[in-house]
Amino acid sequence: MRNLDERGVPGVMIATTAFEQAAAVQSASLGFEPAIVFVPHPIQNRTDAEIQAVADDALEAIVGAMTTE
C-alpha cells in the first residue's frame, strides 16, 4: 500500500476490529499510516448474507477513505 500511495494510487486496508492494535503497531514501526477501515470480528463463520451486510455497512467508510487526502 505504501508503494501505491507514494505513486498517488489510493488504497484502503480492511481488517476486523481484532487487529486494530496490531495495525497501529505495524503502522508506527513502518512510519506509514494507511487508510484503514475496521469491520466487526469475526468474519470466517458468517453467512454470505452476513458478509454482504458487513460490506454494505463498511462501504461509505471505504469510499470516504479512498477519496480523502
Protein backbone atom coordinates (compact mmCIF):
# COMPACT_ATOMS: atom_id res chain seq x y z
CA MET A 1 0.00 0.00 0.00
CA ARG A 2 2.78 2.38 0.80
CA ASN A 3 4.32 1.99 -2.65
CA LEU A 4 0.98 2.64 -4.33
CA ASP A 5 0.24 5.54 -2.01
CA GLU A 6 3.56 7.17 -2.87
CA ARG A 7 2.59 6.92 -6.55
CA GLY A 8 -0.80 8.56 -5.94
CA VAL A 9 -2.85 5.38 -6.12
CA PRO A 10 -5.36 5.34 -3.24
CA GLY A 11 -5.85 2.24 -1.17
CA VAL A 12 -7.66 1.16 1.93
CA MET A 13 -6.84 -1.72 4.24
CA ILE A 14 -9.85 -3.56 5.56
CA ALA A 15 -9.44 -5.63 8.71
CA THR A 16 -11.53 -6.79 11.62
CA THR A 17 -11.56 -4.98 14.93
CA ALA A 18 -9.44 -7.75 16.46
CA PHE A 19 -6.48 -6.35 14.52
CA GLU A 20 -6.76 -2.67 15.47
CA GLN A 21 -3.83 -2.73 17.89
CA ALA A 22 -1.66 -4.80 15.54
CA ALA A 23 -2.36 -2.39 12.69
CA ALA A 24 -1.41 0.58 14.88
CA VAL A 25 1.86 -1.07 15.95
CA GLN A 26 2.73 -2.09 12.38
CA SER A 27 1.93 1.39 11.05
CA ALA A 28 4.10 3.00 13.69
CA SER A 29 7.00 0.66 13.01
CA LEU A 30 6.81 1.35 9.27
CA GLY A 31 6.31 5.09 9.68
CA PHE A 32 3.28 4.90 7.40
CA GLU A 33 -0.34 5.37 8.34
CA PRO A 34 -2.52 3.71 5.71
CA ALA A 35 -6.21 4.33 5.46
CA ILE A 36 -7.85 1.53 7.43
CA VAL A 37 -11.48 0.55 7.81
CA PHE A 38 -12.22 -1.91 10.59
CA VAL A 39 -15.20 -4.24 10.38
CA PRO A 40 -16.69 -6.40 13.12
CA HIS A 41 -14.81 -9.53 14.18
CA PRO A 42 -15.03 -12.43 13.43
CA ILE A 43 -15.56 -12.89 9.72
CA GLN A 44 -14.88 -16.55 8.99
CA ASN A 45 -18.07 -18.04 10.42
CA ARG A 46 -20.51 -15.61 8.83
CA THR A 47 -23.03 -16.48 6.16
CA ASP A 48 -22.87 -14.90 2.73
CA ALA A 49 -25.74 -12.60 3.73
CA GLU A 50 -23.94 -11.55 6.90
CA ILE A 51 -20.73 -10.81 4.97
CA GLN A 52 -22.76 -8.76 2.48
CA ALA A 53 -24.24 -6.77 5.38
CA VAL A 54 -20.74 -6.14 6.81
CA ALA A 55 -19.59 -4.94 3.38
CA ASP A 56 -22.65 -2.75 2.95
CA ASP A 57 -22.09 -1.20 6.37
CA ALA A 58 -18.42 -0.50 5.60
CA LEU A 59 -18.88 0.83 2.07
CA GLU A 60 -19.31 4.50 2.98
CA ALA A 61 -16.21 4.46 5.19
CA ILE A 62 -14.20 2.70 2.48
CA VAL A 63 -15.21 5.17 -0.22
CA GLY A 64 -14.57 8.04 2.17
CA ALA A 65 -11.09 6.74 2.96
CA MET A 66 -10.35 6.33 -0.76
CA THR A 67 -11.33 9.89 -1.58
CA THR A 68 -9.88 11.73 1.45
CA GLU A 69 -6.41 13.22 1.30
